[in-house]
Amino acid sequence: MEYHQKPDFLSVRAGDCVAIKFQHNHYSLSKRVQDYWIGKVIYCIGGARDPYSWTLFQVINVDNGEVKIINADTVEMILMPKK
């Protein structure tokens, strides 16, 4: 029996600070480098089949204040959950 841990993005709630992967990848000396930015989740958007299974998030970039809608699977981890 295999145990599969559920992805972090399924536990995200509005108010959480999260690490988000950039949509592009950089390659340097044959080693993959991943870039991230920090966002605060404003709103969670559910899918058509299950409205409580997040597919999109509206987030604000904490560095520049830009508001974006991102795919849920680009959330790498929850940094600071809302209390």
PDB file of N, CA and C in Angstrom:
ATOM      1  N   MET A   1       0.840  -1.178   0.000  1.00  0.00           N
ATOM      2  CA  MET A   1       0.000   0.000   0.000  1.00  0.00           C
ATOM      3  C   MET A   1       0.887   1.243   0.000  1.00  0.00           C
ATOM      4  N   GLU A   2       0.659   2.102  -0.959  1.00  0.00           N
ATOM      5  CA  GLU A   2       1.445   3.326  -1.052  1.00  0.00           C
ATOM      6  C   GLU A   2       0.719   4.476  -0.373  1.00  0.00           C
ATOM      7  N   TYR A   3       1.495   5.319   0.272  1.00  0.00           N
ATOM      8  CA  TYR A   3       0.942   6.499   0.915  1.00  0.00           C
ATOM      9  C   TYR A   3       1.300   7.709   0.070  1.00  0.00           C
ATOM     10  N   HIS A   4       0.308   8.458  -0.339  1.00  0.00           N
ATOM     11  CA  HIS A   4       0.545   9.665  -1.130  1.00  0.00           C
ATOM     12  C   HIS A   4       0.137  10.868  -0.304  1.00  0.00           C
ATOM     13  N   GLN A   5       1.088  11.760  -0.099  1.00  0.00           N
ATOM     14  CA  GLN A   5       0.802  12.988   0.631  1.00  0.00           C
ATOM     15  C   GLN A   5       0.069  13.946  -0.305  1.00  0.00           C
ATOM     16  N   LYS A   6      -0.984  14.578   0.198  1.00  0.00           N
ATOM     17  CA  LYS A   6      -1.723  15.496  -0.660  1.00  0.00           C
ATOM     18  C   LYS A   6      -0.880  16.749  -0.913  1.00  0.00           C
ATOM     19  N   PRO A   7      -1.012  17.330  -2.098  1.00  0.00           N
ATOM     20  CA  PRO A   7      -0.237  18.533  -2.433  1.00  0.00           C
ATOM     21  C   PRO A   7      -0.572  19.696  -1.496  1.00  0.00           C
ATOM     22  N   ASP A   8       0.429  20.537  -1.240  1.00  0.00           N
ATOM     23  CA  ASP A   8       0.243  21.688  -0.342  1.00  0.00           C
ATOM     24  C   ASP A   8      -0.870  22.612  -0.805  1.00  0.00           C
ATOM     25  N   PHE A   9      -1.037  22.768  -2.128  1.00  0.00           N
ATOM     26  CA  PHE A   9      -2.010  23.753  -2.604  1.00  0.00           C
ATOM     27  C   PHE A   9      -3.443  23.400  -2.214  1.00  0.00           C
ATOM     28  N   LEU A  10      -3.713  22.149  -1.877  1.00  0.00           N
ATOM     29  CA  LEU A  10      -5.063  21.775  -1.450  1.00  0.00           C
ATOM     30  C   LEU A  10      -5.385  22.301  -0.049  1.00  0.00           C
ATOM     31  N   SER A  11      -4.345  22.647   0.726  1.00  0.00           N
ATOM     32  CA  SER A  11      -4.533  23.161   2.088  1.00  0.00           C
ATOM     33  C   SER A  11      -4.481  24.679   2.176  1.00  0.00           C
ATOM     34  N   VAL A  12      -4.236  25.350   1.062  1.00  0.00           N
ATOM     35  CA  VAL A  12      -4.112  26.810   1.054  1.00  0.00           C
ATOM     36  C   VAL A  12      -5.465  27.448   1.361  1.00  0.00           C
ATOM     37  N   ARG A  13      -5.415  28.531   2.160  1.00  0.00           N
ATOM     38  CA  ARG A  13      -6.617  29.321   2.460  1.00  0.00           C
ATOM     39  C   ARG A  13      -6.313  30.784   2.192  1.00  0.00           C
ATOM     40  N   ALA A  14      -7.348  31.565   1.978  1.00  0.00           N
ATOM     41  CA  ALA A  14      -7.164  33.012   1.802  1.00  0.00           C
ATOM     42  C   ALA A  14      -6.456  33.565   3.031  1.00  0.00           C
ATOM     43  N   GLY A  15      -5.441  34.390   2.807  1.00  0.00           N
ATOM     44  CA  GLY A  15      -4.654  34.968   3.894  1.00  0.00           C
ATOM     45  C   GLY A  15      -3.309  34.304   4.081  1.00  0.00           C
ATOM     46  N   ASP A  16      -3.112  33.112   3.493  1.00  0.00           N
ATOM     47  CA  ASP A  16      -1.825  32.416   3.604  1.00  0.00           C
ATOM     48  C   ASP A  16      -0.767  33.091   2.741  1.00  0.00           C
ATOM     49  N   CYS A  17       0.480  33.061   3.200  1.00  0.00           N
ATOM     50  CA  CYS A  17       1.626  33.455   2.383  1.00  0.00           C
ATOM     51  C   CYS A  17       2.222  32.177   1.814  1.00  0.00           C
ATOM     52  N   VAL A  18       2.485  32.187   0.508  1.00  0.00           N
ATOM     53  CA  VAL A  18       2.946  30.983  -0.172  1.00  0.00           C
ATOM     54  C   VAL A  18       4.135  31.282  -1.083  1.00  0.00           C
ATOM     55  N   ALA A  19       4.972  30.247  -1.315  1.00  0.00           N
ATOM     56  CA  ALA A  19       6.058  30.321  -2.295  1.00  0.00           C
ATOM     57  C   ALA A  19       5.497  29.814  -3.613  1.00  0.00           C
ATOM     58  N   ILE A  20       5.682  30.591  -4.676  1.00  0.00           N
ATOM     59  CA  ILE A  20       5.104  30.296  -5.981  1.00  0.00           C
ATOM     60  C   ILE A  20       6.224  30.145  -7.007  1.00  0.00           C
ATOM     61  N   LYS A  21       6.171  29.056  -7.772  1.00  0.00           N
ATOM     62  CA  LYS A  21       7.161  28.829  -8.824  1.00  0.00           C
ATOM     63  C   LYS A  21       6.878  29.753  -9.996  1.00  0.00           C
ATOM     64  N   PHE A  22       7.938  30.333 -10.572  1.00  0.00           N
ATOM     65  CA  PHE A  22       7.782  31.050 -11.832  1.00  0.00           C
ATOM     66  C   PHE A  22       7.376  30.045 -12.897  1.00  0.00           C
ATOM     67  N   GLN A  23       6.675  30.489 -13.922  1.00  0.00           N
ATOM     68  CA  GLN A  23       6.202  29.602 -14.971  1.00  0.00           C
ATOM     69  C   GLN A  23       7.326  29.126 -15.885  1.00  0.00           C
ATOM     70  N   HIS A  24       8.452  29.805 -15.898  1.00  0.00           N
ATOM     71  CA  HIS A  24       9.560  29.399 -16.759  1.00  0.00           C
ATOM     72  C   HIS A  24      10.684  28.799 -15.918  1.00  0.00           C
ATOM     73  N   ASN A  25      11.539  28.053 -16.534  1.00  0.00           N
ATOM     74  CA  ASN A  25      12.697  27.464 -15.869  1.00  0.00           C
ATOM     75  C   ASN A  25      13.970  27.999 -16.508  1.00  0.00           C
ATOM     76  N   HIS A  26      14.999  28.173 -15.692  1.00  0.00           N
ATOM     77  CA  HIS A  26      16.309  28.589 -16.184  1.00  0.00           C
ATOM     78  C   HIS A  26      17.237  27.386 -16.100  1.00  0.00           C
ATOM     79  N   TYR A  27      18.151  27.307 -17.032  1.00  0.00           N
ATOM     80  CA  TYR A  27      19.130  26.237 -17.010  1.00  0.00           C
ATOM     81  C   TYR A  27      20.514  26.854 -16.918  1.00  0.00           C
ATOM     82  N   SER A  28      21.328  26.332 -16.012  1.00  0.00           N
ATOM     83  CA  SER A  28      22.656  26.869 -15.811  1.00  0.00           C
ATOM     84  C   SER A  28      23.616  25.709 -15.560  1.00  0.00           C
ATOM     85  N   LEU A  29      24.615  25.549 -16.418  1.00  0.00           N
ATOM     86  CA  LEU A  29      25.607  24.484 -16.286  1.00  0.00           C
ATOM     87  C   LEU A  29      24.952  23.120 -16.106  1.00  0.00           C
ATOM     88  N   SER A  30      23.981  22.836 -16.942  1.00  0.00           N
ATOM     89  CA  SER A  30      23.227  21.581 -16.961  1.00  0.00           C
ATOM     90  C   SER A  30      22.517  21.278 -15.639  1.00  0.00           C
ATOM     91  N   LYS A  31      22.355  22.282 -14.805  1.00  0.00           N
ATOM     92  CA  LYS A  31      21.632  22.109 -13.555  1.00  0.00           C
ATOM     93  C   LYS A  31      20.384  22.982 -13.600  1.00  0.00           C
ATOM     94  N   ARG A  32      19.278  22.407 -13.262  1.00  0.00           N
ATOM     95  CA  ARG A  32      18.014  23.146 -13.311  1.00  0.00           C
ATOM     96  C   ARG A  32      17.908  24.055 -12.090  1.00  0.00           C
ATOM     97  N   VAL A  33      17.611  25.327 -12.327  1.00  0.00           N
ATOM     98  CA  VAL A  33      17.464  26.304 -11.257  1.00  0.00           C
ATOM     99  C   VAL A  33      16.006  26.750 -11.233  1.00  0.00           C
ATOM    100  N   GLN A  34      15.397  26.705 -10.090  1.00  0.00           N
ATOM    101  CA  GLN A  34      13.989  27.075  -9.954  1.00  0.00           C
ATOM    102  C   GLN A  34      13.880  28.428  -9.245  1.00  0.00           C
ATOM    103  N   ASP A  35      13.120  29.329  -9.818  1.00  0.00           N
ATOM    104  CA  ASP A  35      12.908  30.635  -9.210  1.00  0.00           C
ATOM    105  C   ASP A  35      11.538  30.671  -8.555  1.00  0.00           C
ATOM    106  N   TYR A  36      11.458  31.401  -7.458  1.00  0.00           N
ATOM    107  CA  TYR A  36      10.220  31.515  -6.707  1.00  0.00           C
ATOM    108  C   TYR A  36       9.936  32.973  -6.388  1.00  0.00           C
ATOM    109  N   TRP A  37       8.673  33.265  -6.111  1.00  0.00           N
ATOM    110  CA  TRP A  37       8.291  34.560  -5.574  1.00  0.00           C
ATOM    111  C   TRP A  37       7.281  34.308  -4.473  1.00  0.00           C
ATOM    112  N   ILE A  38       7.101  35.296  -3.599  1.00  0.00           N
ATOM    113  CA  ILE A  38       6.228  35.146  -2.441  1.00  0.00           C
ATOM    114  C   ILE A  38       4.931  35.904  -2.697  1.00  0.00           C
ATOM    115  N   GLY A  39       3.833  35.228  -2.443  1.00  0.00           N
ATOM    116  CA  GLY A  39       2.530  35.847  -2.625  1.00  0.00           C
ATOM    117  C   GLY A  39       1.635  35.614  -1.420  1.00  0.00           C
ATOM    118  N   LYS A  40       0.710  36.533  -1.227  1.00  0.00           N
ATOM    119  CA  LYS A  40      -0.312  36.381  -0.195  1.00  0.00           C
ATOM    120  C   LYS A  40      -1.626  36.097  -0.908  1.00  0.00           C
ATOM    121  N   VAL A  41      -2.276  35.008  -0.513  1.00  0.00           N
ATOM    122  CA  VAL A  41      -3.493  34.564  -1.183  1.00  0.00           C
ATOM    123  C   VAL A  41      -4.659  35.462  -0.786  1.00  0.00           C
ATOM    124  N   ILE A  42      -5.326  36.017  -1.794  1.00  0.00           N
ATOM    125  CA  ILE A  42      -6.489  36.874  -1.577  1.00  0.00           C
ATOM    126  C   ILE A  42      -7.774  36.064  -1.681  1.00  0.00           C
ATOM    127  N   TYR A  43      -7.808  35.152  -2.680  1.00  0.00           N
ATOM    128  CA  TYR A  43      -9.040  34.412  -2.951  1.00  0.00           C
ATOM    129  C   TYR A  43      -8.686  33.062  -3.558  1.00  0.00           C
ATOM    130  N   CYS A  44      -9.412  32.018  -3.172  1.00  0.00           N
ATOM    131  CA  CYS A  44      -9.224  30.664  -3.699  1.00  0.00           C
ATOM    132  C   CYS A  44     -10.386  30.334  -4.637  1.00  0.00           C
ATOM    133  N   ILE A  45     -10.061  29.822  -5.822  1.00  0.00           N
ATOM    134  CA  ILE A  45     -11.072  29.529  -6.830  1.00  0.00           C
ATOM    135  C   ILE A  45     -11.116  28.020  -7.037  1.00  0.00           C
ATOM    136  N   GLY A  46     -12.302  27.440  -6.850  1.00  0.00           N
ATOM    137  CA  GLY A  46     -12.474  25.996  -6.976  1.00  0.00           C
ATOM    138  C   GLY A  46     -12.708  25.561  -8.402  1.00  0.00           C
ATOM    139  N   GLY A  47     -12.621  24.259  -8.609  1.00  0.00           N
ATOM    140  CA  GLY A  47     -12.825  23.673  -9.923  1.00  0.00           C
ATOM    141  C   GLY A  47     -14.293  23.427 -10.211  1.00  0.00           C
ATOM    142  N   ALA A  48     -14.573  23.035 -11.442  1.00  0.00           N
ATOM    143  CA  ALA A  48     -15.948  22.787 -11.860  1.00  0.00           C
ATOM    144  C   ALA A  48     -16.526  21.538 -11.205  1.00  0.00           C
ATOM    145  N   ARG A  49     -15.711  20.511 -11.031  1.00  0.00           N
ATOM    146  CA  ARG A  49     -16.189  19.264 -10.432  1.00  0.00           C
ATOM    147  C   ARG A  49     -16.308  19.345  -8.926  1.00  0.00           C
ATOM    148  N   ASP A  50     -15.383  20.055  -8.298  1.00  0.00           N
ATOM    149  CA  ASP A  50     -15.398  20.193  -6.837  1.00  0.00           C
ATOM    150  C   ASP A  50     -15.043  21.634  -6.491  1.00  0.00           C
ATOM    151  N   PRO A  51     -16.004  22.439  -6.065  1.00  0.00           N
ATOM    152  CA  PRO A  51     -15.726  23.847  -5.791  1.00  0.00           C
ATOM    153  C   PRO A  51     -14.791  24.077  -4.605  1.00  0.00           C
ATOM    154  N   TYR A  52     -14.491  23.030  -3.828  1.00  0.00           N
ATOM    155  CA  TYR A  52     -13.571  23.171  -2.693  1.00  0.00           C
ATOM    156  C   TYR A  52     -12.210  22.536  -2.968  1.00  0.00           C
ATOM    157  N   SER A  53     -11.983  22.142  -4.203  1.00  0.00           N
ATOM    158  CA  SER A  53     -10.680  21.669  -4.641  1.00  0.00           C
ATOM    159  C   SER A  53     -10.085  22.784  -5.486  1.00  0.00           C
ATOM    160  N   TRP A  54      -9.137  23.528  -4.917  1.00  0.00           N
ATOM    161  CA  TRP A  54      -8.633  24.756  -5.539  1.00  0.00           C
ATOM    162  C   TRP A  54      -7.902  24.468  -6.838  1.00  0.00           C
ATOM    163  N   THR A  55      -8.238  25.238  -7.865  1.00  0.00           N
ATOM    164  CA  THR A  55      -7.537  25.153  -9.145  1.00  0.00           C
ATOM    165  C   THR A  55      -6.806  26.454  -9.475  1.00  0.00           C
ATOM    166  N   LEU A  56      -7.291  27.560  -8.942  1.00  0.00           N
ATOM    167  CA  LEU A  56      -6.673  28.874  -9.165  1.00  0.00           C
ATOM    168  C   LEU A  56      -6.648  29.658  -7.856  1.00  0.00           C
ATOM    169  N   PHE A  57      -5.678  30.559  -7.745  1.00  0.00           N
ATOM    170  CA  PHE A  57      -5.603  31.478  -6.606  1.00  0.00           C
ATOM    171  C   PHE A  57      -5.411  32.895  -7.120  1.00  0.00           C
ATOM    172  N   GLN A  58      -6.079  33.840  -6.475  1.00  0.00           N
ATOM    173  CA  GLN A  58      -5.775  35.246  -6.714  1.00  0.00           C
ATOM    174  C   GLN A  58      -4.802  35.630  -5.609  1.00  0.00           C
ATOM    175  N   VAL A  59      -3.624  36.106  -5.997  1.00  0.00           N
ATOM    176  CA  VAL A  59      -2.566  36.415  -5.029  1.00  0.00           C
ATOM    177  C   VAL A  59      -2.011  37.804  -5.279  1.00  0.00           C
ATOM    178  N   ILE A  60      -1.418  38.350  -4.232  1.00  0.00           N
ATOM    179  CA  ILE A  60      -0.718  39.631  -4.351  1.00  0.00           C
ATOM    180  C   ILE A  60       0.765  39.375  -4.100  1.00  0.00           C
ATOM    181  N   ASN A  61       1.598  39.856  -5.013  1.00  0.00           N
ATOM    182  CA  ASN A  61       3.041  39.723  -4.879  1.00  0.00           C
ATOM    183  C   ASN A  61       3.487  40.633  -3.738  1.00  0.00           C
ATOM    184  N   VAL A  62       4.120  40.067  -2.705  1.00  0.00           N
ATOM    185  CA  VAL A  62       4.478  40.869  -1.529  1.00  0.00           C
ATOM    186  C   VAL A  62       5.613  41.846  -1.817  1.00  0.00           C
ATOM    187  N   ASP A  63       6.368  41.634  -2.911  1.00  0.00           N
ATOM    188  CA  ASP A  63       7.469  42.536  -3.241  1.00  0.00           C
ATOM    189  C   ASP A  63       7.030  43.775  -4.000  1.00  0.00           C
ATOM    190  N   ASN A  64       6.078  43.614  -4.947  1.00  0.00           N
ATOM    191  CA  ASN A  64       5.718  44.765  -5.774  1.00  0.00           C
ATOM    192  C   ASN A  64       4.230  45.118  -5.775  1.00  0.00           C
ATOM    193  N   GLY A  65       3.404  44.360  -5.070  1.00  0.00           N
ATOM    194  CA  GLY A  65       1.982  44.677  -4.955  1.00  0.00           C
ATOM    195  C   GLY A  65       1.135  44.262  -6.142  1.00  0.00           C
ATOM    196  N   GLU A  66       1.720  43.581  -7.112  1.00  0.00           N
ATOM    197  CA  GLU A  66       0.985  43.141  -8.297  1.00  0.00           C
ATOM    198  C   GLU A  66       0.009  42.021  -7.920  1.00  0.00           C
ATOM    199  N   VAL A  67      -1.218  42.128  -8.410  1.00  0.00           N
ATOM    200  CA  VAL A  67      -2.231  41.107  -8.170  1.00  0.00           C
ATOM    201  C   VAL A  67      -2.324  40.222  -9.404  1.00  0.00           C
ATOM    202  N   LYS A  68      -2.268  38.894  -9.194  1.00  0.00           N
ATOM    203  CA  LYS A  68      -2.298  37.940 -10.296  1.00  0.00           C
ATOM    204  C   LYS A  68      -3.214  36.785  -9.957  1.00  0.00           C
ATOM    205  N   ILE A  69      -3.664  36.102 -10.976  1.00  0.00           N
ATOM    206  CA  ILE A  69      -4.342  34.823 -10.800  1.00  0.00           C
ATOM    207  C   ILE A  69      -3.369  33.755 -11.290  1.00  0.00           C
ATOM    208  N   ILE A  70      -3.112  32.757 -10.432  1.00  0.00           N
ATOM    209  CA  ILE A  70      -2.130  31.720 -10.740  1.00  0.00           C
ATOM    210  C   ILE A  70      -2.783  30.343 -10.692  1.00  0.00           C
ATOM    211  N   ASN A  71      -2.181  29.380 -11.366  1.00  0.00           N
ATOM    212  CA  ASN A  71      -2.609  27.997 -11.257  1.00  0.00           C
ATOM    213  C   ASN A  71      -2.231  27.466  -9.874  1.00  0.00           C
ATOM    214  N   ALA A  72      -3.096  26.683  -9.288  1.00  0.00           N
ATOM    215  CA  ALA A  72      -2.866  26.171  -7.931  1.00  0.00           C
ATOM    216  C   ALA A  72      -1.601  25.323  -7.849  1.00  0.00           C
ATOM    217  N   ASP A  73      -1.278  24.580  -8.904  1.00  0.00           N
ATOM    218  CA  ASP A  73      -0.120  23.694  -8.828  1.00  0.00           C
ATOM    219  C   ASP A  73       1.223  24.420  -8.902  1.00  0.00           C
ATOM    220  N   THR A  74       1.232  25.744  -9.075  1.00  0.00           N
ATOM    221  CA  THR A  74       2.484  26.496  -9.021  1.00  0.00           C
ATOM    222  C   THR A  74       2.854  26.864  -7.589  1.00  0.00           C
ATOM    223  N   VAL A  75       1.953  26.604  -6.636  1.00  0.00           N
ATOM    224  CA  VAL A  75       2.263  26.844  -5.222  1.00  0.00           C
ATOM    225  C   VAL A  75       3.162  25.720  -4.734  1.00  0.00           C
ATOM    226  N   GLU A  76       4.372  26.070  -4.347  1.00  0.00           N
ATOM    227  CA  GLU A  76       5.354  25.077  -3.904  1.00  0.00           C
ATOM    228  C   GLU A  76       5.155  24.717  -2.426  1.00  0.00           C
ATOM    229  N   MET A  77       4.880  25.728  -1.604  1.00  0.00           N
ATOM    230  CA  MET A  77       4.668  25.454  -0.187  1.00  0.00           C
ATOM    231  C   MET A  77       3.993  26.631   0.496  1.00  0.00           C
ATOM    232  N   ILE A  78       3.336  26.337   1.606  1.00  0.00           N
ATOM    233  CA  ILE A  78       2.738  27.376   2.431  1.00  0.00           C
ATOM    234  C   ILE A  78       3.805  27.849   3.399  1.00  0.00           C
ATOM    235  N   LEU A  79       4.137  29.139   3.362  1.00  0.00           N
ATOM    236  CA  LEU A  79       5.181  29.683   4.212  1.00  0.00           C
ATOM    237  C   LEU A  79       4.641  30.145   5.550  1.00  0.00           C
ATOM    238  N   MET A  80       3.499  30.803   5.506  1.00  0.00           N
ATOM    239  CA  MET A  80       2.912  31.338   6.731  1.00  0.00           C
ATOM    240  C   MET A  80       1.401  31.196   6.637  1.00  0.00           C
ATOM    241  N   PRO A  81       0.854  30.153   7.281  1.00  0.00           N
ATOM    242  CA  PRO A  81      -0.583  29.986   7.222  1.00  0.00           C
ATOM    243  C   PRO A  81      -1.317  31.080   7.984  1.00  0.00           C
ATOM    244  N   LYS A  82      -2.506  31.398   7.524  1.00  0.00           N
ATOM    245  CA  LYS A  82      -3.359  32.355   8.222  1.00  0.00           C
ATOM    246  C   LYS A  82      -3.776  31.736   9.555  1.00  0.00           C
ATOM    247  N   LYS A  83      -3.750  32.540  10.600  1.00  0.00           N
ATOM    248  CA  LYS A  83      -4.122  32.021  11.931  1.00  0.00           C
ATOM    249  C   LYS A  83      -5.553  32.291  12.234  1.00  0.00           C
TER     250      LYS A  83
END
